[in-house]
Amino acid sequence: RDMTHQDTRDAERDSFIVNGKLLHGSDVKYDGILAAAEVAAHEAMAWAAEAAPDRDLLDPTLRRFARAVVCAANRTHSGGCAYEALALLLARPDLALIVPD
């Protein structure tokens, strides 16, 4: 499912640290966060770029990877996962009621 619209909204309300640099989504927007994540992925995979038989396949793969990382880090996805984990661990309605804020 395409989460680009929600990712864009979340990124503009969040802050990210990419390779030690603090990026505020309200300043750099979703595209800036995505670009920084993509550059970081390229830097981390420099060894693969040298060995890649087809560079045209590596770039889109790293772009998709960067998009997946940004999606996993956003408040909608990570907040939902955190809620599900707590609900699973603390599923005792007689002791606690867990509700999203």
PDB file of N, CA and C in Angstrom:
ATOM      1  N   ARG A   1       0.835  -1.179   0.000  1.00  0.00           N
ATOM      2  CA  ARG A   1       0.000   0.000   0.000  1.00  0.00           C
ATOM      3  C   ARG A   1       0.880   1.243   0.000  1.00  0.00           C
ATOM      4  N   ASP A   2       0.533   2.236  -0.781  1.00  0.00           N
ATOM      5  CA  ASP A   2       1.320   3.457  -0.912  1.00  0.00           C
ATOM      6  C   ASP A   2       1.072   4.363   0.289  1.00  0.00           C
ATOM      7  N   MET A   3       2.120   4.621   1.046  1.00  0.00           N
ATOM      8  CA  MET A   3       2.018   5.452   2.247  1.00  0.00           C
ATOM      9  C   MET A   3       2.611   6.838   2.033  1.00  0.00           C
ATOM     10  N   THR A   4       2.895   7.209   0.786  1.00  0.00           N
ATOM     11  CA  THR A   4       3.592   8.465   0.515  1.00  0.00           C
ATOM     12  C   THR A   4       2.863   9.666   1.094  1.00  0.00           C
ATOM     13  N   HIS A   5       1.548   9.736   0.946  1.00  0.00           N
ATOM     14  CA  HIS A   5       0.806  10.887   1.460  1.00  0.00           C
ATOM     15  C   HIS A   5       0.951  10.993   2.980  1.00  0.00           C
ATOM     16  N   GLN A   6       0.758   9.876   3.684  1.00  0.00           N
ATOM     17  CA  GLN A   6       0.880   9.904   5.143  1.00  0.00           C
ATOM     18  C   GLN A   6       2.323  10.126   5.565  1.00  0.00           C
ATOM     19  N   ASP A   7       3.281   9.513   4.859  1.00  0.00           N
ATOM     20  CA  ASP A   7       4.698   9.727   5.162  1.00  0.00           C
ATOM     21  C   ASP A   7       5.057  11.194   5.027  1.00  0.00           C
ATOM     22  N   THR A   8       4.537  11.846   3.990  1.00  0.00           N
ATOM     23  CA  THR A   8       4.808  13.263   3.765  1.00  0.00           C
ATOM     24  C   THR A   8       4.282  14.084   4.934  1.00  0.00           C
ATOM     25  N   ARG A   9       3.072  13.814   5.350  1.00  0.00           N
ATOM     26  CA  ARG A   9       2.474  14.559   6.475  1.00  0.00           C
ATOM     27  C   ARG A   9       3.274  14.330   7.750  1.00  0.00           C
ATOM     28  N   ASP A  10       3.642  13.073   8.009  1.00  0.00           N
ATOM     29  CA  ASP A  10       4.397  12.769   9.226  1.00  0.00           C
ATOM     30  C   ASP A  10       5.776  13.411   9.204  1.00  0.00           C
ATOM     31  N   ALA A  11       6.459  13.320   8.083  1.00  0.00           N
ATOM     32  CA  ALA A  11       7.819  13.862   7.986  1.00  0.00           C
ATOM     33  C   ALA A  11       7.838  15.356   8.266  1.00  0.00           C
ATOM     34  N   GLU A  12       6.821  16.062   7.853  1.00  0.00           N
ATOM     35  CA  GLU A  12       6.796  17.503   8.065  1.00  0.00           C
ATOM     36  C   GLU A  12       6.547  17.870   9.525  1.00  0.00           C
ATOM     37  N   ARG A  13       6.110  16.907  10.342  1.00  0.00           N
ATOM     38  CA  ARG A  13       5.899  17.160  11.774  1.00  0.00           C
ATOM     39  C   ARG A  13       7.023  16.579  12.626  1.00  0.00           C
ATOM     40  N   ASP A  14       7.886  15.779  12.039  1.00  0.00           N
ATOM     41  CA  ASP A  14       8.932  15.086  12.789  1.00  0.00           C
ATOM     42  C   ASP A  14      10.301  15.692  12.522  1.00  0.00           C
ATOM     43  N   SER A  15      11.254  15.255  13.331  1.00  0.00           N
ATOM     44  CA  SER A  15      12.664  15.574  13.111  1.00  0.00           C
ATOM     45  C   SER A  15      13.410  14.259  12.976  1.00  0.00           C
ATOM     46  N   PHE A  16      14.439  14.250  12.166  1.00  0.00           N
ATOM     47  CA  PHE A  16      15.221  13.045  11.895  1.00  0.00           C
ATOM     48  C   PHE A  16      16.695  13.373  12.070  1.00  0.00           C
ATOM     49  N   ILE A  17      17.461  12.393  12.490  1.00  0.00           N
ATOM     50  CA  ILE A  17      18.916  12.521  12.495  1.00  0.00           C
ATOM     51  C   ILE A  17      19.434  11.536  11.470  1.00  0.00           C
ATOM     52  N   VAL A  18      20.092  12.060  10.448  1.00  0.00           N
ATOM     53  CA  VAL A  18      20.649  11.231   9.381  1.00  0.00           C
ATOM     54  C   VAL A  18      22.144  11.491   9.334  1.00  0.00           C
ATOM     55  N   ASN A  19      22.926  10.463   9.595  1.00  0.00           N
ATOM     56  CA  ASN A  19      24.389  10.576   9.644  1.00  0.00           C
ATOM     57  C   ASN A  19      24.841  11.719  10.548  1.00  0.00           C
ATOM     58  N   GLY A  20      24.192  11.833  11.702  1.00  0.00           N
ATOM     59  CA  GLY A  20      24.579  12.828  12.689  1.00  0.00           C
ATOM     60  C   GLY A  20      24.043  14.228  12.458  1.00  0.00           C
ATOM     61  N   LYS A  21      23.328  14.433  11.386  1.00  0.00           N
ATOM     62  CA  LYS A  21      22.794  15.761  11.067  1.00  0.00           C
ATOM     63  C   LYS A  21      21.301  15.798  11.397  1.00  0.00           C
ATOM     64  N   LEU A  22      20.897  16.789  12.211  1.00  0.00           N
ATOM     65  CA  LEU A  22      19.501  16.943  12.591  1.00  0.00           C
ATOM     66  C   LEU A  22      18.742  17.637  11.467  1.00  0.00           C
ATOM     67  N   LEU A  23      17.680  16.983  11.005  1.00  0.00           N
ATOM     68  CA  LEU A  23      16.846  17.532   9.941  1.00  0.00           C
ATOM     69  C   LEU A  23      15.427  17.693  10.467  1.00  0.00           C
ATOM     70  N   HIS A  24      14.898  18.897  10.377  1.00  0.00           N
ATOM     71  CA  HIS A  24      13.522  19.158  10.780  1.00  0.00           C
ATOM     72  C   HIS A  24      12.648  19.070   9.534  1.00  0.00           C
ATOM     73  N   GLY A  25      11.677  18.179   9.581  1.00  0.00           N
ATOM     74  CA  GLY A  25      10.793  17.994   8.437  1.00  0.00           C
ATOM     75  C   GLY A  25      10.077  19.261   8.038  1.00  0.00           C
ATOM     76  N   SER A  26       9.799  20.126   9.008  1.00  0.00           N
ATOM     77  CA  SER A  26       9.122  21.384   8.686  1.00  0.00           C
ATOM     78  C   SER A  26      10.001  22.284   7.823  1.00  0.00           C
ATOM     79  N   ASP A  27      11.317  22.089   7.890  1.00  0.00           N
ATOM     80  CA  ASP A  27      12.245  22.892   7.084  1.00  0.00           C
ATOM     81  C   ASP A  27      12.588  22.233   5.754  1.00  0.00           C
ATOM     82  N   VAL A  28      12.952  20.941   5.800  1.00  0.00           N
ATOM     83  CA  VAL A  28      13.442  20.275   4.587  1.00  0.00           C
ATOM     84  C   VAL A  28      12.372  19.486   3.858  1.00  0.00           C
ATOM     85  N   LYS A  29      11.213  19.300   4.513  1.00  0.00           N
ATOM     86  CA  LYS A  29      10.072  18.587   3.925  1.00  0.00           C
ATOM     87  C   LYS A  29      10.420  17.110   3.692  1.00  0.00           C
ATOM     88  N   TYR A  30       9.461  16.370   3.231  1.00  0.00           N
ATOM     89  CA  TYR A  30       9.609  14.932   2.997  1.00  0.00           C
ATOM     90  C   TYR A  30      10.712  14.651   1.978  1.00  0.00           C
ATOM     91  N   ASP A  31      10.747  15.428   0.903  1.00  0.00           N
ATOM     92  CA  ASP A  31      11.748  15.175  -0.136  1.00  0.00           C
ATOM     93  C   ASP A  31      13.166  15.368   0.387  1.00  0.00           C
ATOM     94  N   GLY A  32      13.360  16.321   1.290  1.00  0.00           N
ATOM     95  CA  GLY A  32      14.682  16.542   1.876  1.00  0.00           C
ATOM     96  C   GLY A  32      15.098  15.401   2.784  1.00  0.00           C
ATOM     97  N   ILE A  33      14.136  14.900   3.566  1.00  0.00           N
ATOM     98  CA  ILE A  33      14.415  13.747   4.431  1.00  0.00           C
ATOM     99  C   ILE A  33      14.744  12.531   3.575  1.00  0.00           C
ATOM    100  N   LEU A  34      13.955  12.313   2.540  1.00  0.00           N
ATOM    101  CA  LEU A  34      14.165  11.170   1.658  1.00  0.00           C
ATOM    102  C   LEU A  34      15.518  11.280   0.947  1.00  0.00           C
ATOM    103  N   ALA A  35      15.866  12.470   0.488  1.00  0.00           N
ATOM    104  CA  ALA A  35      17.150  12.666  -0.194  1.00  0.00           C
ATOM    105  C   ALA A  35      18.316  12.377   0.750  1.00  0.00           C
ATOM    106  N   ALA A  36      18.224  12.832   1.994  1.00  0.00           N
ATOM    107  CA  ALA A  36      19.296  12.587   2.963  1.00  0.00           C
ATOM    108  C   ALA A  36      19.420  11.095   3.255  1.00  0.00           C
ATOM    109  N   ALA A  37      18.292  10.400   3.378  1.00  0.00           N
ATOM    110  CA  ALA A  37      18.312   8.956   3.619  1.00  0.00           C
ATOM    111  C   ALA A  37      18.906   8.217   2.417  1.00  0.00           C
ATOM    112  N   GLU A  38      18.592   8.701   1.234  1.00  0.00           N
ATOM    113  CA  GLU A  38      19.128   8.057   0.025  1.00  0.00           C
ATOM    114  C   GLU A  38      20.637   8.256  -0.076  1.00  0.00           C
ATOM    115  N   VAL A  39      21.115   9.452   0.234  1.00  0.00           N
ATOM    116  CA  VAL A  39      22.567   9.713   0.225  1.00  0.00           C
ATOM    117  C   VAL A  39      23.251   8.806   1.249  1.00  0.00           C
ATOM    118  N   ALA A  40      22.657   8.683   2.446  1.00  0.00           N
ATOM    119  CA  ALA A  40      23.233   7.822   3.478  1.00  0.00           C
ATOM    120  C   ALA A  40      23.282   6.369   3.012  1.00  0.00           C
ATOM    121  N   ALA A  41      22.232   5.921   2.344  1.00  0.00           N
ATOM    122  CA  ALA A  41      22.215   4.552   1.824  1.00  0.00           C
ATOM    123  C   ALA A  41      23.305   4.358   0.780  1.00  0.00           C
ATOM    124  N   HIS A  42      23.483   5.339  -0.105  1.00  0.00           N
ATOM    125  CA  HIS A  42      24.540   5.252  -1.117  1.00  0.00           C
ATOM    126  C   HIS A  42      25.914   5.207  -0.463  1.00  0.00           C
ATOM    127  N   GLU A  43      26.112   6.045   0.562  1.00  0.00           N
ATOM    128  CA  GLU A  43      27.409   6.056   1.244  1.00  0.00           C
ATOM    129  C   GLU A  43      27.666   4.722   1.940  1.00  0.00           C
ATOM    130  N   ALA A  44      26.637   4.170   2.564  1.00  0.00           N
ATOM    131  CA  ALA A  44      26.794   2.902   3.265  1.00  0.00           C
ATOM    132  C   ALA A  44      27.038   1.741   2.304  1.00  0.00           C
ATOM    133  N   MET A  45      26.543   1.870   1.104  1.00  0.00           N
ATOM    134  CA  MET A  45      26.657   0.789   0.124  1.00  0.00           C
ATOM    135  C   MET A  45      27.678   1.086  -0.976  1.00  0.00           C
ATOM    136  N   ALA A  46      28.626   1.969  -0.695  1.00  0.00           N
ATOM    137  CA  ALA A  46      29.621   2.335  -1.709  1.00  0.00           C
ATOM    138  C   ALA A  46      30.358   1.111  -2.248  1.00  0.00           C
ATOM    139  N   TRP A  47      30.625   0.172  -1.369  1.00  0.00           N
ATOM    140  CA  TRP A  47      31.316  -1.046  -1.817  1.00  0.00           C
ATOM    141  C   TRP A  47      30.490  -1.808  -2.849  1.00  0.00           C
ATOM    142  N   ALA A  48      29.175  -1.793  -2.693  1.00  0.00           N
ATOM    143  CA  ALA A  48      28.306  -2.502  -3.634  1.00  0.00           C
ATOM    144  C   ALA A  48      28.236  -1.776  -4.966  1.00  0.00           C
ATOM    145  N   ALA A  49      28.306  -0.458  -4.911  1.00  0.00           N
ATOM    146  CA  ALA A  49      28.234   0.327  -6.147  1.00  0.00           C
ATOM    147  C   ALA A  49      29.418   0.007  -7.048  1.00  0.00           C
ATOM    148  N   GLU A  50      30.566  -0.208  -6.434  1.00  0.00           N
ATOM    149  CA  GLU A  50      31.764  -0.531  -7.224  1.00  0.00           C
ATOM    150  C   GLU A  50      31.650  -1.923  -7.849  1.00  0.00           C
ATOM    151  N   ALA A  51      31.009  -2.820  -7.137  1.00  0.00           N
ATOM    152  CA  ALA A  51      30.919  -4.203  -7.610  1.00  0.00           C
ATOM    153  C   ALA A  51      29.653  -4.488  -8.408  1.00  0.00           C
ATOM    154  N   ALA A  52      28.721  -3.533  -8.406  1.00  0.00           N
ATOM    155  CA  ALA A  52      27.432  -3.773  -9.062  1.00  0.00           C
ATOM    156  C   ALA A  52      27.608  -3.917 -10.570  1.00  0.00           C
ATOM    157  N   PRO A  53      27.132  -5.020 -11.138  1.00  0.00           N
ATOM    158  CA  PRO A  53      27.250  -5.193 -12.579  1.00  0.00           C
ATOM    159  C   PRO A  53      26.327  -4.240 -13.339  1.00  0.00           C
ATOM    160  N   ASP A  54      25.261  -3.814 -12.703  1.00  0.00           N
ATOM    161  CA  ASP A  54      24.302  -2.932 -13.368  1.00  0.00           C
ATOM    162  C   ASP A  54      23.915  -1.807 -12.423  1.00  0.00           C
ATOM    163  N   ARG A  55      24.600  -0.688 -12.545  1.00  0.00           N
ATOM    164  CA  ARG A  55      24.372   0.474 -11.674  1.00  0.00           C
ATOM    165  C   ARG A  55      22.929   0.978 -11.795  1.00  0.00           C
ATOM    166  N   ASP A  56      22.307   0.769 -12.944  1.00  0.00           N
ATOM    167  CA  ASP A  56      20.929   1.224 -13.142  1.00  0.00           C
ATOM    168  C   ASP A  56      19.943   0.501 -12.221  1.00  0.00           C
ATOM    169  N   LEU A  57      20.313  -0.674 -11.732  1.00  0.00           N
ATOM    170  CA  LEU A  57      19.457  -1.406 -10.789  1.00  0.00           C
ATOM    171  C   LEU A  57      19.718  -0.980  -9.349  1.00  0.00           C
ATOM    172  N   LEU A  58      20.962  -0.588  -9.041  1.00  0.00           N
ATOM    173  CA  LEU A  58      21.320  -0.249  -7.665  1.00  0.00           C
ATOM    174  C   LEU A  58      20.645   1.044  -7.207  1.00  0.00           C
ATOM    175  N   ASP A  59      20.639   2.074  -8.036  1.00  0.00           N
ATOM    176  CA  ASP A  59      20.076   3.363  -7.634  1.00  0.00           C
ATOM    177  C   ASP A  59      18.600   3.274  -7.252  1.00  0.00           C
ATOM    178  N   PRO A  60      17.737   2.669  -8.072  1.00  0.00           N
ATOM    179  CA  PRO A  60      16.331   2.562  -7.661  1.00  0.00           C
ATOM    180  C   PRO A  60      16.133   1.680  -6.428  1.00  0.00           C
ATOM    181  N   THR A  61      16.982   0.688  -6.266  1.00  0.00           N
ATOM    182  CA  THR A  61      16.890  -0.182  -5.093  1.00  0.00           C
ATOM    183  C   THR A  61      17.199   0.615  -3.829  1.00  0.00           C
ATOM    184  N   LEU A  62      18.249   1.433  -3.871  1.00  0.00           N
ATOM    185  CA  LEU A  62      18.590   2.255  -2.712  1.00  0.00           C
ATOM    186  C   LEU A  62      17.536   3.329  -2.465  1.00  0.00           C
ATOM    187  N   ARG A  63      16.912   3.823  -3.514  1.00  0.00           N
ATOM    188  CA  ARG A  63      15.828   4.809  -3.368  1.00  0.00           C
ATOM    189  C   ARG A  63      14.633   4.165  -2.655  1.00  0.00           C
ATOM    190  N   ARG A  64      14.281   2.951  -3.050  1.00  0.00           N
ATOM    191  CA  ARG A  64      13.178   2.240  -2.388  1.00  0.00           C
ATOM    192  C   ARG A  64      13.526   1.923  -0.929  1.00  0.00           C
ATOM    193  N   PHE A  65      14.784   1.558  -0.694  1.00  0.00           N
ATOM    194  CA  PHE A  65      15.239   1.283   0.662  1.00  0.00           C
ATOM    195  C   PHE A  65      15.125   2.534   1.528  1.00  0.00           C
ATOM    196  N   ALA A  66      15.573   3.671   1.016  1.00  0.00           N
ATOM    197  CA  ALA A  66      15.492   4.931   1.766  1.00  0.00           C
ATOM    198  C   ALA A  66      14.037   5.272   2.079  1.00  0.00           C
ATOM    199  N   ARG A  67      13.161   5.079   1.123  1.00  0.00           N
ATOM    200  CA  ARG A  67      11.728   5.344   1.335  1.00  0.00           C
ATOM    201  C   ARG A  67      11.164   4.418   2.418  1.00  0.00           C
ATOM    202  N   ALA A  68      11.575   3.158   2.423  1.00  0.00           N
ATOM    203  CA  ALA A  68      11.107   2.204   3.439  1.00  0.00           C
ATOM    204  C   ALA A  68      11.608   2.586   4.827  1.00  0.00           C
ATOM    205  N   VAL A  69      12.840   3.064   4.911  1.00  0.00           N
ATOM    206  CA  VAL A  69      13.393   3.491   6.200  1.00  0.00           C
ATOM    207  C   VAL A  69      12.630   4.701   6.729  1.00  0.00           C
ATOM    208  N   VAL A  70      12.371   5.677   5.880  1.00  0.00           N
ATOM    209  CA  VAL A  70      11.634   6.873   6.307  1.00  0.00           C
ATOM    210  C   VAL A  70      10.216   6.483   6.732  1.00  0.00           C
ATOM    211  N   CYS A  71       9.596   5.594   6.004  1.00  0.00           N
ATOM    212  CA  CYS A  71       8.251   5.132   6.358  1.00  0.00           C
ATOM    213  C   CYS A  71       8.263   4.442   7.718  1.00  0.00           C
ATOM    214  N   ALA A  72       9.242   3.578   7.965  1.00  0.00           N
ATOM    215  CA  ALA A  72       9.309   2.852   9.233  1.00  0.00           C
ATOM    216  C   ALA A  72       9.592   3.780  10.404  1.00  0.00           C
ATOM    217  N   ALA A  73      10.258   4.891  10.134  1.00  0.00           N
ATOM    218  CA  ALA A  73      10.617   5.826  11.206  1.00  0.00           C
ATOM    219  C   ALA A  73       9.522   6.831  11.511  1.00  0.00           C
ATOM    220  N   ASN A  74       8.534   6.951  10.655  1.00  0.00           N
ATOM    221  CA  ASN A  74       7.530   7.998  10.878  1.00  0.00           C
ATOM    222  C   ASN A  74       6.588   7.654  12.017  1.00  0.00           C
ATOM    223  N   ARG A  75       5.915   8.665  12.510  1.00  0.00           N
ATOM    224  CA  ARG A  75       5.073   8.508  13.701  1.00  0.00           C
ATOM    225  C   ARG A  75       3.883   7.583  13.482  1.00  0.00           C
ATOM    226  N   THR A  76       3.322   7.546  12.293  1.00  0.00           N
ATOM    227  CA  THR A  76       2.168   6.678  12.065  1.00  0.00           C
ATOM    228  C   THR A  76       2.582   5.217  12.150  1.00  0.00           C
ATOM    229  N   HIS A  77       3.644   4.850  11.464  1.00  0.00           N
ATOM    230  CA  HIS A  77       4.085   3.454  11.443  1.00  0.00           C
ATOM    231  C   HIS A  77       4.686   3.052  12.778  1.00  0.00           C
ATOM    232  N   SER A  78       5.674   3.813  13.281  1.00  0.00           N
ATOM    233  CA  SER A  78       6.343   3.416  14.516  1.00  0.00           C
ATOM    234  C   SER A  78       5.401   3.519  15.710  1.00  0.00           C
ATOM    235  N   GLY A  79       4.511   4.510  15.706  1.00  0.00           N
ATOM    236  CA  GLY A  79       3.531   4.622  16.792  1.00  0.00           C
ATOM    237  C   GLY A  79       2.579   3.448  16.808  1.00  0.00           C
ATOM    238  N   GLY A  80       2.150   3.035  15.626  1.00  0.00           N
ATOM    239  CA  GLY A  80       1.268   1.868  15.535  1.00  0.00           C
ATOM    240  C   GLY A  80       1.956   0.604  15.983  1.00  0.00           C
ATOM    241  N   CYS A  81       3.213   0.436  15.602  1.00  0.00           N
ATOM    242  CA  CYS A  81       3.965  -0.751  16.012  1.00  0.00           C
ATOM    243  C   CYS A  81       4.184  -0.754  17.521  1.00  0.00           C
ATOM    244  N   ALA A  82       4.486   0.422  18.083  1.00  0.00           N
ATOM    245  CA  ALA A  82       4.686   0.512  19.530  1.00  0.00           C
ATOM    246  C   ALA A  82       3.398   0.158  20.269  1.00  0.00           C
ATOM    247  N   TYR A  83       2.279   0.666  19.777  1.00  0.00           N
ATOM    248  CA  TYR A  83       0.988   0.363  20.405  1.00  0.00           C
ATOM    249  C   TYR A  83       0.709  -1.137  20.338  1.00  0.00           C
ATOM    250  N   GLU A  84       0.929  -1.741  19.180  1.00  0.00           N
ATOM    251  CA  GLU A  84       0.685  -3.179  19.036  1.00  0.00           C
ATOM    252  C   GLU A  84       1.575  -3.993  19.960  1.00  0.00           C
ATOM    253  N   ALA A  85       2.836  -3.591  20.109  1.00  0.00           N
ATOM    254  CA  ALA A  85       3.762  -4.304  20.990  1.00  0.00           C
ATOM    255  C   ALA A  85       3.308  -4.203  22.448  1.00  0.00           C
ATOM    256  N   LEU A  86       2.916  -3.003  22.873  1.00  0.00           N
ATOM    257  CA  LEU A  86       2.430  -2.837  24.246  1.00  0.00           C
ATOM    258  C   LEU A  86       1.149  -3.621  24.482  1.00  0.00           C
ATOM    259  N   ALA A  87       0.256  -3.563  23.511  1.00  0.00           N
ATOM    260  CA  ALA A  87      -1.005  -4.291  23.655  1.00  0.00           C
ATOM    261  C   ALA A  87      -0.744  -5.792  23.772  1.00  0.00           C
ATOM    262  N   LEU A  88       0.224  -6.293  23.018  1.00  0.00           N
ATOM    263  CA  LEU A  88       0.559  -7.716  23.080  1.00  0.00           C
ATOM    264  C   LEU A  88       1.185  -8.073  24.430  1.00  0.00           C
ATOM    265  N   LEU A  89       2.107  -7.237  24.892  1.00  0.00           N
ATOM    266  CA  LEU A  89       2.807  -7.518  26.144  1.00  0.00           C
ATOM    267  C   LEU A  89       1.937  -7.317  27.383  1.00  0.00           C
ATOM    268  N   LEU A  90       1.063  -6.329  27.316  1.00  0.00           N
ATOM    269  CA  LEU A  90       0.289  -5.956  28.499  1.00  0.00           C
ATOM    270  C   LEU A  90      -1.208  -6.199  28.316  1.00  0.00           C
ATOM    271  N   ALA A  91      -1.559  -7.202  27.575  1.00  0.00           N
ATOM    272  CA  ALA A  91      -2.967  -7.476  27.283  1.00  0.00           C
ATOM    273  C   ALA A  91      -3.663  -8.054  28.504  1.00  0.00           C
ATOM    274  N   ARG A  92      -3.874  -7.209  29.485  1.00  0.00           N
ATOM    275  CA  ARG A  92      -4.576  -7.587  30.711  1.00  0.00           C
ATOM    276  C   ARG A  92      -5.621  -6.525  31.007  1.00  0.00           C
ATOM    277  N   PRO A  93      -6.776  -6.592  30.357  1.00  0.00           N
ATOM    278  CA  PRO A  93      -7.789  -5.553  30.539  1.00  0.00           C
ATOM    279  C   PRO A  93      -8.239  -5.400  31.993  1.00  0.00           C
ATOM    280  N   ASP A  94      -8.030  -6.435  32.790  1.00  0.00           N
ATOM    281  CA  ASP A  94      -8.380  -6.333  34.202  1.00  0.00           C
ATOM    282  C   ASP A  94      -7.375  -5.473  34.982  1.00  0.00           C
ATOM    283  N   LEU A  95      -6.185  -5.249  34.392  1.00  0.00           N
ATOM    284  CA  LEU A  95      -5.155  -4.464  35.064  1.00  0.00           C
ATOM    285  C   LEU A  95      -4.881  -3.121  34.398  1.00  0.00           C
ATOM    286  N   ALA A  96      -4.949  -3.082  33.068  1.00  0.00           N
ATOM    287  CA  ALA A  96      -4.576  -1.852  32.362  1.00  0.00           C
ATOM    288  C   ALA A  96      -5.371  -1.753  31.067  1.00  0.00           C
ATOM    289  N   LEU A  97      -5.711  -0.539  30.738  1.00  0.00           N
ATOM    290  CA  LEU A  97      -6.368  -0.253  29.462  1.00  0.00           C
ATOM    291  C   LEU A  97      -5.406   0.589  28.641  1.00  0.00           C
ATOM    292  N   ILE A  98      -4.976   0.063  27.509  1.00  0.00           N
ATOM    293  CA  ILE A  98      -4.020   0.772  26.668  1.00  0.00           C
ATOM    294  C   ILE A  98      -4.789   1.403  25.522  1.00  0.00           C
ATOM    295  N   VAL A  99      -4.631   2.711  25.387  1.00  0.00           N
ATOM    296  CA  VAL A  99      -5.294   3.433  24.302  1.00  0.00           C
ATOM    297  C   VAL A  99      -4.280   4.352  23.645  1.00  0.00           C
ATOM    298  N   PRO A 100      -4.374   4.551  22.347  1.00  0.00           N
ATOM    299  CA  PRO A 100      -3.468   5.495  21.687  1.00  0.00           C
ATOM    300  C   PRO A 100      -3.807   6.920  22.118  1.00  0.00           C
ATOM    301  N   ASP A 101      -2.801   7.753  22.179  1.00  0.00           N
ATOM    302  CA  ASP A 101      -2.986   9.152  22.577  1.00  0.00           C
ATOM    303  C   ASP A 101      -3.351  10.010  21.394  1.00  0.00           C
TER     304      ASP A 101
END
